[in-house]
Amino acid sequence: MLSIPLADFTPGPARPAPLVAAGQSIAVNICYEDAYGGELIRQLPEATLLVNVSNVAWFGDSLAPAQHLQIARARALETGRAHLAATNTGITAAIGRDGRVLARLAPFTEGRLDVGVQGYAGATPYVRWGDWPALAACLLALAVVALLARSR
């Protein structure tokens, strides 16, 4: 109807299969997709490792690369998986499943990381239930506040 270029895109599968490489099942995400844990866990618990590839050059010399590293650390903790982040100008890092930064390159540094990481299996509570417990707690809190306000 509207001759818009690229309008023929279709969404991928609701539960994308992890990429298999070097004996690991890898949940791959791009740029700030790792900010959305609910999206990332769609590849779990099958995936044994998390990998993020980002072009963060447009952030320049700002706090965004450090924020992106913190997001990656949160995803590692939530999923119980090591997380590898490769960026062009941001912070390239290897993060353990406990959220610890195992190795990293400073922003605007050309180089490579030589670090070994291990894939992990299993499902953390976040992998099992996602954001639902937090949403349920918020709804419960709202209901309690509404009841208290009504009783006054």
C-alpha atoms as a PDB file:
ATOM      1  CA  MET A   1       0.000   0.000   0.000  1.00  0.00           C
ATOM      2  CA  LEU A   2       2.769   2.461   0.901  1.00  0.00           C
ATOM      3  CA  SER A   3       5.821   1.449  -1.150  1.00  0.00           C
ATOM      4  CA  ILE A   4       8.213   1.754   1.821  1.00  0.00           C
ATOM      5  CA  PRO A   5      11.647   0.203   1.259  1.00  0.00           C
ATOM      6  CA  LEU A   6      12.338  -2.802   3.497  1.00  0.00           C
ATOM      7  CA  ALA A   7       8.630  -3.119   4.343  1.00  0.00           C
ATOM      8  CA  ASP A   8       8.747  -6.823   3.559  1.00  0.00           C
ATOM      9  CA  PHE A   9      10.568  -7.752   6.789  1.00  0.00           C
ATOM     10  CA  THR A  10       8.976 -10.485   8.859  1.00  0.00           C
ATOM     11  CA  PRO A  11       9.665 -11.261  12.509  1.00  0.00           C
ATOM     12  CA  GLY A  12      11.852 -14.205  13.424  1.00  0.00           C
ATOM     13  CA  PRO A  13      10.729 -17.102  15.590  1.00  0.00           C
ATOM     14  CA  ALA A  14       9.337 -16.373  19.052  1.00  0.00           C
ATOM     15  CA  ARG A  15      11.987 -18.667  20.565  1.00  0.00           C
ATOM     16  CA  PRO A  16      15.089 -18.368  18.362  1.00  0.00           C
ATOM     17  CA  ALA A  17      17.503 -21.273  18.444  1.00  0.00           C
ATOM     18  CA  PRO A  18      20.933 -20.535  19.893  1.00  0.00           C
ATOM     19  CA  LEU A  19      23.909 -20.434  17.543  1.00  0.00           C
ATOM     20  CA  VAL A  20      26.105 -23.505  17.961  1.00  0.00           C
ATOM     21  CA  ALA A  21      29.884 -22.946  17.811  1.00  0.00           C
ATOM     22  CA  ALA A  22      32.917 -24.566  19.453  1.00  0.00           C
ATOM     23  CA  GLY A  23      30.687 -27.001  21.323  1.00  0.00           C
ATOM     24  CA  GLN A  24      28.627 -24.236  22.915  1.00  0.00           C
ATOM     25  CA  SER A  25      25.056 -23.079  22.346  1.00  0.00           C
ATOM     26  CA  ILE A  26      25.323 -19.313  22.157  1.00  0.00           C
ATOM     27  CA  ALA A  27      22.586 -16.749  22.753  1.00  0.00           C
ATOM     28  CA  VAL A  28      23.693 -13.929  20.450  1.00  0.00           C
ATOM     29  CA  ASN A  29      22.323 -10.409  20.743  1.00  0.00           C
ATOM     30  CA  ILE A  30      23.253  -7.137  19.089  1.00  0.00           C
ATOM     31  CA  CYS A  31      23.892  -3.671  20.530  1.00  0.00           C
ATOM     32  CA  TYR A  32      21.556  -2.782  23.380  1.00  0.00           C
ATOM     33  CA  GLU A  33      19.347  -5.866  22.957  1.00  0.00           C
ATOM     34  CA  ASP A  34      20.993  -7.159  26.116  1.00  0.00           C
ATOM     35  CA  ALA A  35      19.176  -4.403  27.999  1.00  0.00           C
ATOM     36  CA  TYR A  36      16.021  -6.495  27.592  1.00  0.00           C
ATOM     37  CA  GLY A  37      16.482  -9.589  29.733  1.00  0.00           C
ATOM     38  CA  GLY A  38      13.050 -10.886  28.806  1.00  0.00           C
ATOM     39  CA  GLU A  39      14.097 -11.016  25.159  1.00  0.00           C
ATOM     40  CA  LEU A  40      17.417 -12.673  25.905  1.00  0.00           C
ATOM     41  CA  ILE A  41      15.958 -15.494  27.997  1.00  0.00           C
ATOM     42  CA  ARG A  42      13.929 -16.692  25.012  1.00  0.00           C
ATOM     43  CA  GLN A  43      17.095 -18.588  23.972  1.00  0.00           C
ATOM     44  CA  LEU A  44      17.534 -20.111  27.429  1.00  0.00           C
ATOM     45  CA  PRO A  45      17.988 -22.543  29.080  1.00  0.00           C
ATOM     46  CA  GLU A  46      19.288 -24.106  25.830  1.00  0.00           C
ATOM     47  CA  ALA A  47      22.074 -21.530  25.401  1.00  0.00           C
ATOM     48  CA  THR A  48      25.192 -22.115  27.496  1.00  0.00           C
ATOM     49  CA  LEU A  49      26.898 -18.783  26.776  1.00  0.00           C
ATOM     50  CA  LEU A  50      25.828 -15.183  26.063  1.00  0.00           C
ATOM     51  CA  VAL A  51      27.519 -13.089  23.353  1.00  0.00           C
ATOM     52  CA  ASN A  52      26.849  -9.438  22.522  1.00  0.00           C
ATOM     53  CA  VAL A  53      28.301  -7.624  19.514  1.00  0.00           C
ATOM     54  CA  SER A  54      27.869  -3.846  19.516  1.00  0.00           C
ATOM     55  CA  ASN A  55      28.645  -0.799  17.432  1.00  0.00           C
ATOM     56  CA  VAL A  56      28.622   1.846  20.142  1.00  0.00           C
ATOM     57  CA  ALA A  57      30.692   4.476  18.298  1.00  0.00           C
ATOM     58  CA  TRP A  58      27.776   6.891  18.191  1.00  0.00           C
ATOM     59  CA  PHE A  59      27.885   7.152  22.025  1.00  0.00           C
ATOM     60  CA  GLY A  60      31.304   8.798  21.777  1.00  0.00           C
ATOM     61  CA  ASP A  61      33.116   9.481  25.032  1.00  0.00           C
ATOM     62  CA  SER A  62      30.106   9.227  27.330  1.00  0.00           C
ATOM     63  CA  LEU A  63      28.916   7.081  30.223  1.00  0.00           C
ATOM     64  CA  ALA A  64      27.009   4.772  27.856  1.00  0.00           C
ATOM     65  CA  PRO A  65      29.814   2.178  27.388  1.00  0.00           C
ATOM     66  CA  ALA A  66      30.159   1.788  31.172  1.00  0.00           C
ATOM     67  CA  GLN A  67      26.373   1.496  31.452  1.00  0.00           C
ATOM     68  CA  HIS A  68      26.359  -1.145  28.717  1.00  0.00           C
ATOM     69  CA  LEU A  69      28.973  -3.140  30.659  1.00  0.00           C
ATOM     70  CA  GLN A  70      26.768  -2.978  33.782  1.00  0.00           C
ATOM     71  CA  ILE A  71      23.808  -4.233  31.753  1.00  0.00           C
ATOM     72  CA  ALA A  72      25.905  -7.159  30.509  1.00  0.00           C
ATOM     73  CA  ARG A  73      26.951  -7.964  34.079  1.00  0.00           C
ATOM     74  CA  ALA A  74      23.290  -8.000  35.152  1.00  0.00           C
ATOM     75  CA  ARG A  75      22.400 -10.397  32.311  1.00  0.00           C
ATOM     76  CA  ALA A  76      25.230 -12.745  33.366  1.00  0.00           C
ATOM     77  CA  LEU A  77      23.939 -12.778  36.949  1.00  0.00           C
ATOM     78  CA  GLU A  78      20.302 -13.236  35.944  1.00  0.00           C
ATOM     79  CA  THR A  79      21.011 -16.124  33.614  1.00  0.00           C
ATOM     80  CA  GLY A  80      23.948 -17.815  35.328  1.00  0.00           C
ATOM     81  CA  ARG A  81      25.881 -17.673  32.043  1.00  0.00           C
ATOM     82  CA  ALA A  82      29.223 -16.185  31.053  1.00  0.00           C
ATOM     83  CA  HIS A  83      28.775 -13.137  28.829  1.00  0.00           C
ATOM     84  CA  LEU A  84      31.194 -12.028  26.119  1.00  0.00           C
ATOM     85  CA  ALA A  85      30.848  -8.475  24.826  1.00  0.00           C
ATOM     86  CA  ALA A  86      32.672  -7.288  21.701  1.00  0.00           C
ATOM     87  CA  THR A  87      32.465  -3.602  20.801  1.00  0.00           C
ATOM     88  CA  ASN A  88      34.155  -1.291  18.337  1.00  0.00           C
ATOM     89  CA  THR A  89      34.709   1.697  20.664  1.00  0.00           C
ATOM     90  CA  GLY A  90      33.025   0.623  23.904  1.00  0.00           C
ATOM     91  CA  ILE A  91      34.198  -1.815  26.559  1.00  0.00           C
ATOM     92  CA  THR A  92      35.012  -5.256  25.183  1.00  0.00           C
ATOM     93  CA  ALA A  93      34.789  -7.697  28.081  1.00  0.00           C
ATOM     94  CA  ALA A  94      34.481 -11.250  29.307  1.00  0.00           C
ATOM     95  CA  ILE A  95      32.101 -11.558  32.257  1.00  0.00           C
ATOM     96  CA  GLY A  96      31.739 -14.612  34.477  1.00  0.00           C
ATOM     97  CA  ARG A  97      28.371 -16.081  35.335  1.00  0.00           C
ATOM     98  CA  ASP A  98      28.639 -14.383  38.731  1.00  0.00           C
ATOM     99  CA  GLY A  99      28.787 -10.943  37.064  1.00  0.00           C
ATOM    100  CA  ARG A 100      32.515 -10.461  37.699  1.00  0.00           C
ATOM    101  CA  VAL A 101      34.494  -8.881  34.871  1.00  0.00           C
ATOM    102  CA  LEU A 102      37.159 -11.470  34.026  1.00  0.00           C
ATOM    103  CA  ALA A 103      38.984  -9.364  31.436  1.00  0.00           C
ATOM    104  CA  ARG A 104      38.314  -6.170  29.521  1.00  0.00           C
ATOM    105  CA  LEU A 105      39.640  -3.667  27.049  1.00  0.00           C
ATOM    106  CA  ALA A 106      39.250   0.028  27.739  1.00  0.00           C
ATOM    107  CA  PRO A 107      37.027   2.072  25.419  1.00  0.00           C
ATOM    108  CA  PHE A 108      38.680   3.239  22.185  1.00  0.00           C
ATOM    109  CA  THR A 109      41.311   0.503  22.507  1.00  0.00           C
ATOM    110  CA  GLU A 110      42.206  -1.777  19.632  1.00  0.00           C
ATOM    111  CA  GLY A 111      43.110  -5.258  20.746  1.00  0.00           C
ATOM    112  CA  ARG A 112      41.834  -8.666  21.693  1.00  0.00           C
ATOM    113  CA  LEU A 113      41.078 -10.554  24.863  1.00  0.00           C
ATOM    114  CA  ASP A 114      42.582 -13.971  25.427  1.00  0.00           C
ATOM    115  CA  VAL A 115      40.411 -15.447  28.125  1.00  0.00           C
ATOM    116  CA  GLY A 116      38.791 -18.804  28.665  1.00  0.00           C
ATOM    117  CA  VAL A 117      35.141 -19.022  29.632  1.00  0.00           C
ATOM    118  CA  GLN A 118      32.985 -22.019  30.354  1.00  0.00           C
ATOM    119  CA  GLY A 119      29.453 -22.620  29.179  1.00  0.00           C
ATOM    120  CA  TYR A 120      26.817 -23.415  31.795  1.00  0.00           C
ATOM    121  CA  ALA A 121      23.490 -25.227  31.740  1.00  0.00           C
ATOM    122  CA  GLY A 122      20.447 -24.998  33.965  1.00  0.00           C
ATOM    123  CA  ALA A 123      17.846 -22.368  34.668  1.00  0.00           C
ATOM    124  CA  THR A 124      17.989 -19.598  37.246  1.00  0.00           C
ATOM    125  CA  PRO A 125      14.708 -18.265  38.679  1.00  0.00           C
ATOM    126  CA  TYR A 126      14.875 -15.401  36.169  1.00  0.00           C
ATOM    127  CA  VAL A 127      15.331 -17.830  33.264  1.00  0.00           C
ATOM    128  CA  ARG A 128      12.325 -19.841  34.503  1.00  0.00           C
ATOM    129  CA  TRP A 129       9.899 -16.996  35.254  1.00  0.00           C
ATOM    130  CA  GLY A 130      11.336 -13.877  33.639  1.00  0.00           C
ATOM    131  CA  ASP A 131       9.850 -10.582  34.791  1.00  0.00           C
ATOM    132  CA  TRP A 132       6.553 -12.083  36.027  1.00  0.00           C
ATOM    133  CA  PRO A 133       7.436 -12.236  39.761  1.00  0.00           C
ATOM    134  CA  ALA A 134       8.482  -8.562  39.745  1.00  0.00           C
ATOM    135  CA  LEU A 135       5.322  -7.569  37.869  1.00  0.00           C
ATOM    136  CA  ALA A 136       3.173  -9.587  40.265  1.00  0.00           C
ATOM    137  CA  ALA A 137       4.878  -7.915  43.254  1.00  0.00           C
ATOM    138  CA  CYS A 138       4.199  -4.472  41.744  1.00  0.00           C
ATOM    139  CA  LEU A 139       0.537  -5.317  41.141  1.00  0.00           C
ATOM    140  CA  LEU A 140       0.225  -6.632  44.691  1.00  0.00           C
ATOM    141  CA  ALA A 141       1.797  -3.459  46.072  1.00  0.00           C
ATOM    142  CA  LEU A 142      -0.621  -1.327  44.028  1.00  0.00           C
ATOM    143  CA  ALA A 143      -3.564  -3.383  45.294  1.00  0.00           C
ATOM    144  CA  VAL A 144      -2.430  -2.940  48.916  1.00  0.00           C
ATOM    145  CA  VAL A 145      -2.010   0.829  48.433  1.00  0.00           C
ATOM    146  CA  ALA A 146      -5.452   1.037  46.815  1.00  0.00           C
ATOM    147  CA  LEU A 147      -7.044  -0.903  49.678  1.00  0.00           C
ATOM    148  CA  LEU A 148      -5.322   1.248  52.297  1.00  0.00           C
ATOM    149  CA  ALA A 149      -6.391   4.431  50.514  1.00  0.00           C
ATOM    150  CA  ARG A 150      -9.952   3.166  50.257  1.00  0.00           C
ATOM    151  CA  SER A 151     -10.169   2.276  53.938  1.00  0.00           C
ATOM    152  CA  ARG A 152      -9.281   5.816  55.038  1.00  0.00           C
END
